[in-house]
């Protein structure tokens, strides 16, 4: 079976250049999509379940580090970075692989050799959680602070909802339903855009259409197909977890 990969970089000419070099140096690799920001990268990974994700560290919406923190642990991550030597040393001391912009063929070839070996050996992706935590603090935030209030409609009434009161968000048609203990409201913000504004330590995307408040989770169970189901503390609805996000619940 041919290996698959996605590329995520907000500088499209650099993404296309990396795509071209991968095509030349690893013709057996299928590039199944190119994302121009973090939320798009998450959607691509959820849809395509690629073996490899080449993630630019600095992207709008979600950084490459934030994307890596949220994705399935069966996807191998290669970070693409324009960091200085101090940060490169941090990568070299960890298991994570990286490519320095502009990507050079000899360095890309070395990364390809490592990836081929890991895939041939069925090796699990590298554990990068410690690296993500350390490097995330050094990133200059280009996005707004985490969302604190939701302005949502209930009929003709617009409610101002503290984000910590939200149990879960769920996309339905052109709207996102905001569910609290007091009922449901509607917003027009897309689920991917919303995910980029929420603190990932407090809100987990568990499905391409669903984001849940971690503090609202009572327990999880497996259905007859082995899929993870989330049970909430203060709501009777149970939320299915897609395969791409099941790893979030391994600690529970």
Protein backbone atom coordinates (compact mmCIF):
# COMPACT_ATOMS: atom_id res chain seq x y z
CA UNK A 1 0.00 0.00 0.00
CA UNK A 2 1.30 3.46 -0.93
CA UNK A 3 2.01 5.86 1.92
CA UNK A 4 -0.10 9.02 2.11
CA UNK A 5 0.70 12.50 3.39
CA UNK A 6 -0.72 15.99 3.77
CA UNK A 7 1.13 19.32 3.72
CA UNK A 8 0.04 22.31 5.80
CA UNK A 9 1.59 25.74 5.22
CA UNK A 10 -0.01 29.18 4.93
CA UNK A 11 2.66 30.19 2.41
CA UNK A 12 1.20 28.36 -0.57
CA UNK A 13 4.28 28.71 -2.76
CA UNK A 14 6.35 26.94 -0.09
CA UNK A 15 3.72 24.22 0.24
CA UNK A 16 3.74 23.70 -3.52
CA UNK A 17 7.54 23.64 -3.55
CA UNK A 18 7.60 20.96 -0.83
CA UNK A 19 4.95 19.03 -2.76
CA UNK A 20 7.10 19.19 -5.89
CA UNK A 21 10.27 18.06 -4.09
CA UNK A 22 8.44 15.17 -2.40
CA UNK A 23 7.05 14.10 -5.78
CA UNK A 24 10.57 14.04 -7.20
CA UNK A 25 12.34 12.41 -4.25
CA UNK A 26 9.57 10.04 -3.12
CA UNK A 27 7.36 9.29 -6.15
CA UNK A 28 5.62 6.43 -4.31
CA UNK A 29 4.19 8.89 -1.74
CA UNK A 30 0.65 10.14 -2.37
CA UNK A 31 0.07 13.77 -1.29
CA UNK A 32 -3.66 13.68 -0.56
CA UNK A 33 -4.13 17.35 0.29
CA UNK A 34 -2.58 20.73 1.02
CA UNK A 35 -3.95 22.92 3.84
CA UNK A 36 -3.29 26.64 4.21
CA UNK A 37 -4.02 26.90 7.95
CA UNK A 38 -4.32 24.83 11.12
CA UNK A 39 -8.08 24.12 11.04
CA UNK A 40 -7.84 23.01 7.40
CA UNK A 41 -4.99 20.69 8.37
CA UNK A 42 -7.12 19.10 11.09
CA UNK A 43 -10.00 18.56 8.66
CA UNK A 44 -7.68 16.99 6.09
CA UNK A 45 -6.16 14.67 8.68
CA UNK A 46 -9.63 13.68 9.90
CA UNK A 47 -10.85 13.02 6.33
CA UNK A 48 -7.78 11.34 4.88
CA UNK A 49 -6.07 9.71 7.90
CA UNK A 50 -2.63 10.21 6.30
CA UNK A 51 0.43 8.30 7.44
CA UNK A 52 2.44 11.54 7.49
CA UNK A 53 1.68 15.22 8.11
CA UNK A 54 4.18 17.92 7.12
CA UNK A 55 3.16 20.81 9.40
CA UNK A 56 4.38 24.38 9.22
CA UNK A 57 4.89 25.55 12.80
CA UNK A 58 3.52 29.07 12.30
CA UNK A 59 0.06 28.97 10.73
CA UNK A 60 -3.11 31.03 11.25
CA UNK A 61 -5.96 29.51 13.24
CA UNK A 62 -3.87 26.79 14.85
CA UNK A 63 -0.09 26.46 14.90
CA UNK A 64 1.57 23.29 13.71
CA UNK A 65 2.30 22.47 17.35
CA UNK A 66 -1.38 22.79 18.26
CA UNK A 67 -2.40 20.63 15.32
CA UNK A 68 0.13 17.95 16.31
CA UNK A 69 -1.24 17.96 19.85
CA UNK A 70 -4.75 17.20 18.61
CA UNK A 71 -4.21 14.60 15.91
CA UNK A 72 -4.30 10.83 15.96
CA UNK A 73 -1.08 9.29 17.22
CA UNK A 74 -0.96 7.06 14.15
CA UNK A 75 0.09 10.01 11.97
CA UNK A 76 3.83 10.71 11.76
CA UNK A 77 4.58 14.42 12.05
CA UNK A 78 7.37 16.34 10.33
CA UNK A 79 7.55 20.00 11.41
CA UNK A 80 8.51 22.64 8.87
CA UNK A 81 10.17 25.59 10.57
CA UNK A 82 12.05 28.83 10.02
CA UNK A 83 13.33 28.79 13.62
CA UNK A 84 16.81 29.81 14.66
CA UNK A 85 19.54 27.38 15.71
CA UNK A 86 18.43 27.31 19.36
CA UNK A 87 15.05 25.83 18.38
CA UNK A 88 16.64 23.47 15.87
CA UNK A 89 18.82 22.13 18.70
CA UNK A 90 15.62 21.44 20.65
CA UNK A 91 14.31 19.34 17.76
CA UNK A 92 17.61 17.47 17.43
CA UNK A 93 17.44 16.48 21.09
CA UNK A 94 13.96 15.01 20.68
CA UNK A 95 12.44 12.27 18.54
CA UNK A 96 10.51 14.69 16.30
CA UNK A 97 11.68 15.30 12.77
CA UNK A 98 11.84 18.75 11.21
CA UNK A 99 12.64 20.53 7.97
CA UNK A 100 14.20 23.97 7.95
CA UNK A 101 12.86 26.53 5.46
CA UNK A 102 13.81 26.80 2.68
CA UNK A 103 13.71 23.02 2.42
CA UNK A 104 16.92 21.57 0.98
CA UNK A 105 16.89 18.33 -1.02
CA UNK A 106 19.61 16.64 1.04
CA UNK A 107 17.76 17.33 4.32
CA UNK A 108 14.44 16.26 2.81
CA UNK A 109 16.03 13.05 1.53
CA UNK A 110 17.26 12.26 5.05
CA UNK A 111 13.78 12.84 6.45
CA UNK A 112 12.27 10.62 3.75
CA UNK A 113 14.68 7.80 4.63
CA UNK A 114 13.66 8.03 8.30
CA UNK A 115 9.96 8.00 7.42
CA UNK A 116 10.32 5.04 5.06
CA UNK A 117 12.08 3.05 7.78
CA UNK A 118 9.42 3.88 10.39
CA UNK A 119 6.62 2.92 8.03
CA UNK A 120 8.36 -0.30 6.97
CA UNK A 121 8.89 -1.23 10.63
CA UNK A 122 5.30 -0.25 11.55
CA UNK A 123 6.87 1.98 14.20
CA UNK A 124 4.48 4.27 16.11
CA UNK A 125 4.86 8.03 15.64
CA UNK A 126 7.36 9.74 17.89
CA UNK A 127 6.20 10.98 21.31
CA UNK A 128 6.47 14.74 20.95
CA UNK A 129 4.31 15.99 23.84
CA UNK A 130 7.23 17.35 25.89
CA UNK A 131 8.67 19.10 22.84
CA UNK A 132 5.28 20.61 21.98
CA UNK A 133 4.86 22.00 25.48
CA UNK A 134 8.33 23.54 25.53
CA UNK A 135 8.23 25.06 22.07
CA UNK A 136 4.63 26.29 22.30
CA UNK A 137 5.70 28.78 24.96
CA UNK A 138 8.30 30.28 22.65
CA UNK A 139 5.84 30.99 19.83
CA UNK A 140 4.67 34.56 19.49
CA UNK A 141 0.90 34.38 19.46
CA UNK A 142 -0.57 35.84 16.29
CA UNK A 143 -4.15 34.98 17.18
CA UNK A 144 -6.53 36.64 19.63
CA UNK A 145 -6.71 35.42 23.27
CA UNK A 146 -8.87 32.35 23.85
CA UNK A 147 -12.59 32.97 23.47
CA UNK A 148 -14.34 33.88 26.74
CA UNK A 149 -17.90 34.73 25.64
CA UNK A 150 -20.28 33.37 22.99
CA UNK A 151 -22.97 35.60 21.45
CA UNK A 152 -25.66 33.14 20.44
CA UNK A 153 -29.27 33.44 19.26
CA UNK A 154 -32.36 31.85 20.77
CA UNK A 155 -35.14 32.92 18.44
CA UNK A 156 -35.04 36.73 18.37
CA UNK A 157 -33.02 36.93 21.60
CA UNK A 158 -29.21 37.17 21.58
CA UNK A 159 -27.58 35.62 24.66
CA UNK A 160 -24.11 36.37 26.01
CA UNK A 161 -22.85 32.97 27.21
CA UNK A 162 -19.64 32.50 29.23
CA UNK A 163 -17.65 29.91 27.31
CA UNK A 164 -17.09 27.79 30.44
CA UNK A 165 -20.87 27.20 30.63
CA UNK A 166 -20.94 25.53 27.22
CA UNK A 167 -21.22 21.73 27.38
CA UNK A 168 -20.54 21.17 23.69
CA UNK A 169 -20.71 22.72 20.23
CA UNK A 170 -22.14 20.81 17.29
CA UNK A 171 -22.29 21.82 13.62
CA UNK A 172 -25.70 21.50 11.95
CA UNK A 173 -26.23 22.76 8.41
CA UNK A 174 -25.23 26.47 8.27
CA UNK A 175 -25.16 26.88 12.05
CA UNK A 176 -23.34 25.62 15.12
CA UNK A 177 -25.56 24.63 18.04
CA UNK A 178 -24.25 25.83 21.42
CA UNK A 179 -25.52 23.54 24.19
CA UNK A 180 -25.52 24.55 27.87
CA UNK A 181 -27.44 23.23 30.88
CA UNK A 182 -30.13 25.82 30.08
CA UNK A 183 -30.73 24.73 26.49
CA UNK A 184 -29.56 25.36 22.94
CA UNK A 185 -28.55 28.51 21.05
CA UNK A 186 -27.25 29.09 17.53
CA UNK A 187 -24.17 30.80 16.12
CA UNK A 188 -23.00 31.16 12.51
CA UNK A 189 -19.28 30.67 13.23
CA UNK A 190 -17.95 27.54 11.50
CA UNK A 191 -16.76 24.67 13.67
CA UNK A 192 -13.15 24.89 12.41
CA UNK A 193 -13.00 28.64 13.01
CA UNK A 194 -14.52 28.12 16.45
CA UNK A 195 -11.99 25.41 17.34
CA UNK A 196 -9.16 27.84 16.59
CA UNK A 197 -10.57 30.33 19.13
CA UNK A 198 -11.06 27.87 22.01
CA UNK A 199 -8.42 26.83 24.53
CA UNK A 200 -7.43 23.28 23.45
CA UNK A 201 -6.77 22.34 27.07
CA UNK A 202 -10.42 23.14 27.92
CA UNK A 203 -12.25 22.16 24.72
CA UNK A 204 -11.54 19.05 22.68
CA UNK A 205 -12.69 18.49 19.13
CA UNK A 206 -13.96 14.90 19.21
CA UNK A 207 -15.50 14.77 15.74
CA UNK A 208 -15.34 16.94 12.63
CA UNK A 209 -18.70 18.42 13.73
CA UNK A 210 -18.34 18.38 17.54
CA UNK A 211 -16.30 20.18 20.21
CA UNK A 212 -16.82 19.24 23.86
CA UNK A 213 -15.98 21.01 27.12
CA UNK A 214 -13.51 18.69 28.89
CA UNK A 215 -15.00 19.59 32.28
CA UNK A 216 -18.44 18.46 31.09
CA UNK A 217 -17.29 14.89 30.39
CA UNK A 218 -18.54 12.31 32.89
CA UNK A 219 -17.19 9.14 31.27
CA UNK A 220 -16.57 7.29 28.02
CA UNK A 221 -17.66 3.91 26.73
CA UNK A 222 -17.15 1.76 23.65
CA UNK A 223 -20.07 0.90 21.35
CA UNK A 224 -20.47 -2.50 19.67
CA UNK A 225 -18.16 -1.36 16.83
CA UNK A 226 -15.43 -0.33 19.24
CA UNK A 227 -15.99 3.41 18.76
CA UNK A 228 -15.57 5.72 21.73
CA UNK A 229 -18.74 7.44 23.02
CA UNK A 230 -18.64 10.41 25.42
CA UNK A 231 -21.21 10.65 28.22
CA UNK A 232 -21.78 14.12 29.70
CA UNK A 233 -22.37 15.09 33.33
CA UNK A 234 -25.34 17.37 32.80
CA UNK A 235 -26.87 16.33 29.49
CA UNK A 236 -28.47 13.12 28.27
CA UNK A 237 -27.01 13.31 24.75
CA UNK A 238 -23.99 11.10 24.12
CA UNK A 239 -21.32 12.24 21.66
CA UNK A 240 -19.51 9.91 19.24
CA UNK A 241 -15.74 10.29 18.93
CA UNK A 242 -14.21 9.86 15.47
CA UNK A 243 -11.14 7.67 15.07
CA UNK A 244 -8.92 10.71 14.48
CA UNK A 245 -9.61 11.99 18.01
CA UNK A 246 -9.93 8.74 19.97
CA UNK A 247 -6.36 9.07 21.29
CA UNK A 248 -7.48 12.03 23.46
CA UNK A 249 -9.33 9.60 25.73
CA UNK A 250 -6.64 7.00 26.27
CA UNK A 251 -5.77 8.67 29.57
CA UNK A 252 -9.37 8.52 30.82
